PDB file of N, CA and C in Angstrom:
ATOM      1  N   UNK A   1     145.060 -11.490 154.177  1.00  0.00           N
ATOM      2  CA  UNK A   1     144.038 -12.159 153.045  1.00  0.00           C
ATOM      3  C   UNK A   1     144.974 -12.523 152.487  1.00  0.00           C
ATOM      4  N   UNK A   2     145.377 -14.291 152.582  1.00  0.00           N
ATOM      5  CA  UNK A   2     146.238 -14.920 151.834  1.00  0.00           C
ATOM      6  C   UNK A   2     145.742 -14.529 150.137  1.00  0.00           C
ATOM      7  N   UNK A   3     146.697 -14.843 149.433  1.00  0.00           N
ATOM      8  CA  UNK A   3     146.767 -14.615 147.884  1.00  0.00           C
ATOM      9  C   UNK A   3     146.365 -16.325 147.547  1.00  0.00           C
ATOM     10  N   UNK A   4     145.033 -16.014 146.454  1.00  0.00           N
ATOM     11  CA  UNK A   4     144.711 -17.531 146.189  1.00  0.00           C
ATOM     12  C   UNK A   4     145.263 -17.644 144.386  1.00  0.00           C
ATOM     13  N   UNK A   5     145.797 -18.991 144.286  1.00  0.00           N
ATOM     14  CA  UNK A   5     146.089 -19.051 142.627  1.00  0.00           C
ATOM     15  C   UNK A   5     145.081 -19.376 141.592  1.00  0.00           C
ATOM     16  N   UNK A   6     145.629 -19.203 140.561  1.00  0.00           N
ATOM     17  CA  UNK A   6     144.627 -19.228 139.628  1.00  0.00           C
ATOM     18  C   UNK A   6     144.240 -20.324 138.930  1.00  0.00           C
ATOM     19  N   UNK A   7     142.770 -20.685 139.344  1.00  0.00           N
ATOM     20  CA  UNK A   7     143.184 -22.347 139.139  1.00  0.00           C
ATOM     21  C   UNK A   7     142.058 -23.130 138.273  1.00  0.00           C
ATOM     22  N   UNK A   8     142.743 -24.229 137.346  1.00  0.00           N
ATOM     23  CA  UNK A   8     141.358 -24.398 136.941  1.00  0.00           C
ATOM     24  C   UNK A   8     140.648 -25.788 137.622  1.00  0.00           C
ATOM     25  N   UNK A   9     139.170 -26.251 136.950  1.00  0.00           N
ATOM     26  CA  UNK A   9     138.476 -27.019 137.328  1.00  0.00           C
ATOM     27  C   UNK A   9     138.908 -28.320 137.678  1.00  0.00           C
ATOM     28  N   UNK A  10     139.928 -28.807 136.333  1.00  0.00           N
ATOM     29  CA  UNK A  10     140.396 -29.858 137.011  1.00  0.00           C
ATOM     30  C   UNK A  10     141.767 -29.867 137.673  1.00  0.00           C
ATOM     31  N   UNK A  11     142.428 -28.677 137.925  1.00  0.00           N
ATOM     32  CA  UNK A  11     143.751 -28.720 139.087  1.00  0.00           C
ATOM     33  C   UNK A  11     142.729 -28.310 140.229  1.00  0.00           C
ATOM     34  N   UNK A  12     141.952 -28.205 140.653  1.00  0.00           N
ATOM     35  CA  UNK A  12     140.882 -28.664 141.602  1.00  0.00           C
ATOM     36  C   UNK A  12     140.441 -29.344 142.054  1.00  0.00           C
ATOM     37  N   UNK A  13     140.096 -30.261 141.166  1.00  0.00           N
ATOM     38  CA  UNK A  13     139.526 -31.613 141.196  1.00  0.00           C
ATOM     39  C   UNK A  13     140.639 -32.335 142.161  1.00  0.00           C
ATOM     40  N   UNK A  14     141.975 -32.751 140.787  1.00  0.00           N
ATOM     41  CA  UNK A  14     142.651 -33.167 141.349  1.00  0.00           C
ATOM     42  C   UNK A  14     143.389 -33.062 143.148  1.00  0.00           C
ATOM     43  N   UNK A  15     143.704 -31.452 143.819  1.00  0.00           N
ATOM     44  CA  UNK A  15     143.719 -30.797 144.808  1.00  0.00           C
ATOM     45  C   UNK A  15     142.987 -31.766 145.904  1.00  0.00           C
ATOM     46  N   UNK A  16     141.889 -31.509 145.197  1.00  0.00           N
ATOM     47  CA  UNK A  16     140.587 -32.097 146.367  1.00  0.00           C
ATOM     48  C   UNK A  16     140.965 -34.004 145.795  1.00  0.00           C
ATOM     49  N   UNK A  17     141.439 -34.074 145.315  1.00  0.00           N
ATOM     50  CA  UNK A  17     141.240 -35.909 145.431  1.00  0.00           C
ATOM     51  C   UNK A  17     142.601 -36.815 146.484  1.00  0.00           C
ATOM     52  N   UNK A  18     143.351 -35.714 146.927  1.00  0.00           N
ATOM     53  CA  UNK A  18     144.110 -36.150 147.875  1.00  0.00           C
ATOM     54  C   UNK A  18     144.017 -35.747 148.693  1.00  0.00           C
ATOM     55  N   UNK A  19     142.792 -35.577 149.574  1.00  0.00           N
ATOM     56  CA  UNK A  19     142.434 -35.507 150.940  1.00  0.00           C
ATOM     57  C   UNK A  19     141.370 -36.510 150.636  1.00  0.00           C
ATOM     58  N   UNK A  20     140.777 -37.730 149.570  1.00  0.00           N
ATOM     59  CA  UNK A  20     139.846 -38.011 150.099  1.00  0.00           C
ATOM     60  C   UNK A  20     138.269 -38.032 149.247  1.00  0.00           C
ATOM     61  N   UNK A  21     138.390 -37.137 148.601  1.00  0.00           N
ATOM     62  CA  UNK A  21     136.906 -36.308 147.700  1.00  0.00           C
ATOM     63  C   UNK A  21     137.142 -37.357 146.238  1.00  0.00           C
ATOM     64  N   UNK A  22     136.207 -38.255 146.119  1.00  0.00           N
ATOM     65  CA  UNK A  22     136.315 -38.726 144.525  1.00  0.00           C
ATOM     66  C   UNK A  22     134.950 -38.215 143.341  1.00  0.00           C
ATOM     67  N   UNK A  23     135.135 -38.289 142.384  1.00  0.00           N
ATOM     68  CA  UNK A  23     134.298 -37.892 141.326  1.00  0.00           C
ATOM     69  C   UNK A  23     132.561 -38.981 141.546  1.00  0.00           C
ATOM     70  N   UNK A  24     131.988 -37.680 141.687  1.00  0.00           N
ATOM     71  CA  UNK A  24     130.314 -38.262 142.044  1.00  0.00           C
ATOM     72  C   UNK A  24     129.527 -38.734 140.853  1.00  0.00           C
ATOM     73  N   UNK A  25     129.509 -37.339 140.052  1.00  0.00           N
ATOM     74  CA  UNK A  25     128.796 -37.038 138.941  1.00  0.00           C
ATOM     75  C   UNK A  25     129.109 -35.830 138.014  1.00  0.00           C
ATOM     76  N   UNK A  26     129.108 -35.398 137.471  1.00  0.00           N
ATOM     77  CA  UNK A  26     128.790 -34.515 136.265  1.00  0.00           C
ATOM     78  C   UNK A  26     127.408 -34.376 136.385  1.00  0.00           C
ATOM     79  N   UNK A  27     127.268 -32.785 136.019  1.00  0.00           N
ATOM     80  CA  UNK A  27     125.802 -32.010 135.727  1.00  0.00           C
ATOM     81  C   UNK A  27     125.885 -31.440 134.591  1.00  0.00           C
ATOM     82  N   UNK A  28     126.547 -30.993 133.234  1.00  0.00           N
ATOM     83  CA  UNK A  28     126.671 -29.905 132.609  1.00  0.00           C
ATOM     84  C   UNK A  28     127.862 -29.807 133.170  1.00  0.00           C
ATOM     85  N   UNK A  29     128.728 -28.470 133.052  1.00  0.00           N
ATOM     86  CA  UNK A  29     130.045 -27.875 133.364  1.00  0.00           C
ATOM     87  C   UNK A  29     130.199 -28.159 134.853  1.00  0.00           C
ATOM     88  N   UNK A  30     129.259 -28.281 135.628  1.00  0.00           N
ATOM     89  CA  UNK A  30     129.932 -28.410 137.520  1.00  0.00           C
ATOM     90  C   UNK A  30     130.068 -29.958 137.766  1.00  0.00           C
ATOM     91  N   UNK A  31     130.611 -30.395 138.211  1.00  0.00           N
ATOM     92  CA  UNK A  31     131.771 -31.814 138.172  1.00  0.00           C
ATOM     93  C   UNK A  31     130.924 -31.582 140.319  1.00  0.00           C
ATOM     94  N   UNK A  32     130.675 -32.569 140.938  1.00  0.00           N
ATOM     95  CA  UNK A  32     130.003 -32.936 141.652  1.00  0.00           C
ATOM     96  C   UNK A  32     131.107 -33.323 142.738  1.00  0.00           C
ATOM     97  N   UNK A  33     131.942 -33.664 143.636  1.00  0.00           N
ATOM     98  CA  UNK A  33     133.090 -34.505 144.159  1.00  0.00           C
ATOM     99  C   UNK A  33     131.775 -34.946 145.936  1.00  0.00           C
ATOM    100  N   UNK A  34     132.084 -36.543 145.795  1.00  0.00           N
ATOM    101  CA  UNK A  34     131.963 -36.537 147.321  1.00  0.00           C
ATOM    102  C   UNK A  34     132.930 -36.796 148.064  1.00  0.00           C
ATOM    103  N   UNK A  35     133.276 -37.234 149.396  1.00  0.00           N
ATOM    104  CA  UNK A  35     134.054 -37.295 150.101  1.00  0.00           C
ATOM    105  C   UNK A  35     133.662 -38.622 150.683  1.00  0.00           C
ATOM    106  N   UNK A  36     135.098 -39.394 150.298  1.00  0.00           N
ATOM    107  CA  UNK A  36     134.687 -41.567 150.428  1.00  0.00           C
ATOM    108  C   UNK A  36     134.803 -41.186 152.056  1.00  0.00           C
ATOM    109  N   UNK A  37     134.656 -39.950 153.446  1.00  0.00           N
ATOM    110  CA  UNK A  37     134.649 -40.622 154.391  1.00  0.00           C
ATOM    111  C   UNK A  37     134.106 -39.398 155.187  1.00  0.00           C
ATOM    112  N   UNK A  38     133.567 -39.939 156.435  1.00  0.00           N
ATOM    113  CA  UNK A  38     132.266 -38.893 157.420  1.00  0.00           C
ATOM    114  C   UNK A  38     133.278 -37.586 157.508  1.00  0.00           C
ATOM    115  N   UNK A  39     132.177 -37.230 157.745  1.00  0.00           N
ATOM    116  CA  UNK A  39     130.975 -36.430 157.019  1.00  0.00           C
ATOM    117  C   UNK A  39     130.629 -36.602 155.562  1.00  0.00           C
ATOM    118  N   UNK A  40     131.152 -36.813 154.761  1.00  0.00           N
ATOM    119  CA  UNK A  40     130.263 -37.235 154.009  1.00  0.00           C
ATOM    120  C   UNK A  40     129.990 -35.749 153.112  1.00  0.00           C
ATOM    121  N   UNK A  41     131.243 -34.823 152.783  1.00  0.00           N
ATOM    122  CA  UNK A  41     130.441 -33.905 152.371  1.00  0.00           C
ATOM    123  C   UNK A  41     130.367 -33.900 150.052  1.00  0.00           C
ATOM    124  N   UNK A  42     129.371 -33.430 150.056  1.00  0.00           N
ATOM    125  CA  UNK A  42     129.154 -33.368 148.791  1.00  0.00           C
ATOM    126  C   UNK A  42     129.194 -31.474 148.005  1.00  0.00           C
ATOM    127  N   UNK A  43     130.439 -31.195 147.163  1.00  0.00           N
ATOM    128  CA  UNK A  43     130.778 -29.819 146.413  1.00  0.00           C
ATOM    129  C   UNK A  43     130.709 -30.365 145.312  1.00  0.00           C
ATOM    130  N   UNK A  44     130.063 -29.045 144.896  1.00  0.00           N
ATOM    131  CA  UNK A  44     130.452 -28.622 142.939  1.00  0.00           C
ATOM    132  C   UNK A  44     131.373 -27.709 143.333  1.00  0.00           C
ATOM    133  N   UNK A  45     132.764 -28.102 141.639  1.00  0.00           N
ATOM    134  CA  UNK A  45     133.162 -27.486 141.260  1.00  0.00           C
ATOM    135  C   UNK A  45     133.143 -27.318 139.605  1.00  0.00           C
ATOM    136  N   UNK A  46     132.500 -26.066 139.599  1.00  0.00           N
ATOM    137  CA  UNK A  46     133.336 -25.601 138.252  1.00  0.00           C
ATOM    138  C   UNK A  46     133.526 -26.108 137.036  1.00  0.00           C
ATOM    139  N   UNK A  47     133.616 -26.815 136.251  1.00  0.00           N
ATOM    140  CA  UNK A  47     134.877 -26.996 135.555  1.00  0.00           C
ATOM    141  C   UNK A  47     134.736 -25.949 134.087  1.00  0.00           C
ATOM    142  N   UNK A  48     135.376 -25.289 134.381  1.00  0.00           N
ATOM    143  CA  UNK A  48     135.904 -23.543 133.571  1.00  0.00           C
ATOM    144  C   UNK A  48     138.134 -23.594 133.260  1.00  0.00           C
ATOM    145  N   UNK A  49     138.141 -23.130 132.469  1.00  0.00           N
ATOM    146  CA  UNK A  49     140.101 -22.611 132.949  1.00  0.00           C
ATOM    147  C   UNK A  49     139.956 -21.981 133.723  1.00  0.00           C
ATOM    148  N   UNK A  50     139.667 -20.954 134.147  1.00  0.00           N
ATOM    149  CA  UNK A  50     139.669 -20.011 135.888  1.00  0.00           C
ATOM    150  C   UNK A  50     138.479 -20.318 136.457  1.00  0.00           C
ATOM    151  N   UNK A  51     138.585 -20.486 137.382  1.00  0.00           N
ATOM    152  CA  UNK A  51     137.795 -20.577 138.788  1.00  0.00           C
ATOM    153  C   UNK A  51     137.582 -19.879 139.506  1.00  0.00           C
ATOM    154  N   UNK A  52     136.306 -18.344 139.354  1.00  0.00           N
ATOM    155  CA  UNK A  52     137.037 -16.722 140.168  1.00  0.00           C
ATOM    156  C   UNK A  52     136.978 -16.747 141.626  1.00  0.00           C
ATOM    157  N   UNK A  53     137.565 -16.045 142.216  1.00  0.00           N
ATOM    158  CA  UNK A  53     138.707 -15.899 143.881  1.00  0.00           C
ATOM    159  C   UNK A  53     137.445 -16.413 144.477  1.00  0.00           C
ATOM    160  N   UNK A  54     136.369 -15.509 144.501  1.00  0.00           N
ATOM    161  CA  UNK A  54     135.196 -15.873 145.388  1.00  0.00           C
ATOM    162  C   UNK A  54     134.792 -17.331 145.513  1.00  0.00           C
ATOM    163  N   UNK A  55     134.691 -17.288 144.571  1.00  0.00           N
ATOM    164  CA  UNK A  55     134.184 -19.160 144.046  1.00  0.00           C
ATOM    165  C   UNK A  55     135.682 -20.261 144.797  1.00  0.00           C
ATOM    166  N   UNK A  56     135.943 -19.847 144.407  1.00  0.00           N
ATOM    167  CA  UNK A  56     136.992 -20.822 145.046  1.00  0.00           C
ATOM    168  C   UNK A  56     137.318 -20.590 146.906  1.00  0.00           C
ATOM    169  N   UNK A  57     137.693 -19.621 147.430  1.00  0.00           N
ATOM    170  CA  UNK A  57     137.178 -19.303 148.456  1.00  0.00           C
ATOM    171  C   UNK A  57     136.793 -20.505 149.337  1.00  0.00           C
ATOM    172  N   UNK A  58     134.642 -20.285 148.093  1.00  0.00           N
ATOM    173  CA  UNK A  58     133.340 -20.747 149.109  1.00  0.00           C
ATOM    174  C   UNK A  58     134.209 -22.363 149.102  1.00  0.00           C
ATOM    175  N   UNK A  59     134.582 -22.911 148.081  1.00  0.00           N
ATOM    176  CA  UNK A  59     134.638 -23.953 147.848  1.00  0.00           C
ATOM    177  C   UNK A  59     136.192 -24.738 149.261  1.00  0.00           C
ATOM    178  N   UNK A  60     136.785 -23.956 148.897  1.00  0.00           N
ATOM    179  CA  UNK A  60     137.527 -24.252 150.279  1.00  0.00           C
ATOM    180  C   UNK A  60     137.444 -24.313 151.749  1.00  0.00           C
ATOM    181  N   UNK A  61     136.304 -23.404 152.198  1.00  0.00           N
ATOM    182  CA  UNK A  61     135.432 -23.048 153.204  1.00  0.00           C
ATOM    183  C   UNK A  61     134.237 -24.086 153.465  1.00  0.00           C
ATOM    184  N   UNK A  62     133.930 -24.504 152.240  1.00  0.00           N
ATOM    185  CA  UNK A  62     133.114 -25.656 151.782  1.00  0.00           C
ATOM    186  C   UNK A  62     133.370 -27.320 152.339  1.00  0.00           C
ATOM    187  N   UNK A  63     134.827 -27.356 151.963  1.00  0.00           N
ATOM    188  CA  UNK A  63     135.688 -28.605 152.165  1.00  0.00           C
ATOM    189  C   UNK A  63     135.699 -28.646 153.424  1.00  0.00           C
ATOM    190  N   UNK A  64     135.859 -27.783 154.605  1.00  0.00           N
ATOM    191  CA  UNK A  64     136.447 -27.672 155.746  1.00  0.00           C
ATOM    192  C   UNK A  64     138.321 -27.244 156.234  1.00  0.00           C
ATOM    193  N   UNK A  65     138.919 -26.966 155.470  1.00  0.00           N
ATOM    194  CA  UNK A  65     140.182 -26.540 154.832  1.00  0.00           C
ATOM    195  C   UNK A  65     140.647 -25.231 155.297  1.00  0.00           C
ATOM    196  N   UNK A  66     141.704 -24.786 155.659  1.00  0.00           N
ATOM    197  CA  UNK A  66     142.333 -23.336 155.423  1.00  0.00           C
ATOM    198  C   UNK A  66     142.779 -23.076 153.986  1.00  0.00           C
ATOM    199  N   UNK A  67     142.663 -21.852 153.320  1.00  0.00           N
ATOM    200  CA  UNK A  67     143.795 -21.443 152.141  1.00  0.00           C
ATOM    201  C   UNK A  67     145.064 -21.996 152.024  1.00  0.00           C
ATOM    202  N   UNK A  68     145.839 -22.453 153.552  1.00  0.00           N
ATOM    203  CA  UNK A  68     147.070 -22.860 153.654  1.00  0.00           C
ATOM    204  C   UNK A  68     147.008 -24.292 153.848  1.00  0.00           C
ATOM    205  N   UNK A  69     146.303 -25.303 153.768  1.00  0.00           N
ATOM    206  CA  UNK A  69     146.320 -26.669 153.706  1.00  0.00           C
ATOM    207  C   UNK A  69     145.983 -26.562 152.249  1.00  0.00           C
ATOM    208  N   UNK A  70     145.315 -26.175 151.721  1.00  0.00           N
ATOM    209  CA  UNK A  70     145.166 -26.221 150.026  1.00  0.00           C
ATOM    210  C   UNK A  70     145.759 -25.914 149.025  1.00  0.00           C
ATOM    211  N   UNK A  71     146.854 -24.802 149.102  1.00  0.00           N
ATOM    212  CA  UNK A  71     148.203 -24.558 149.125  1.00  0.00           C
ATOM    213  C   UNK A  71     148.920 -25.777 148.890  1.00  0.00           C
ATOM    214  N   UNK A  72     148.855 -26.175 149.707  1.00  0.00           N
ATOM    215  CA  UNK A  72     149.606 -27.392 150.172  1.00  0.00           C
ATOM    216  C   UNK A  72     149.745 -28.716 148.904  1.00  0.00           C
ATOM    217  N   UNK A  73     148.223 -28.826 149.102  1.00  0.00           N
ATOM    218  CA  UNK A  73     147.524 -29.979 148.176  1.00  0.00           C
ATOM    219  C   UNK A  73     148.067 -29.863 146.448  1.00  0.00           C
ATOM    220  N   UNK A  74     148.694 -28.539 145.770  1.00  0.00           N
ATOM    221  CA  UNK A  74     148.248 -28.249 144.545  1.00  0.00           C
ATOM    222  C   UNK A  74     149.672 -28.670 144.263  1.00  0.00           C
TER     223      UNK A  74
END
């Protein structure tokens, strides 16, 4: 299993913007991103100082990329 970095919600959003995700809206402390090209996936990012490793792994899986691909976005 690949080691995941400790990231904040903002830095995760910045990384996902590089592959076409844009902020759709924010509800409380959760930022909802939407992909601007098909299949128009939506993903929810908690806007916390540190995202739990399991949550980060689930976000990466929902986006449809591997952990190694995500690390190159950072």
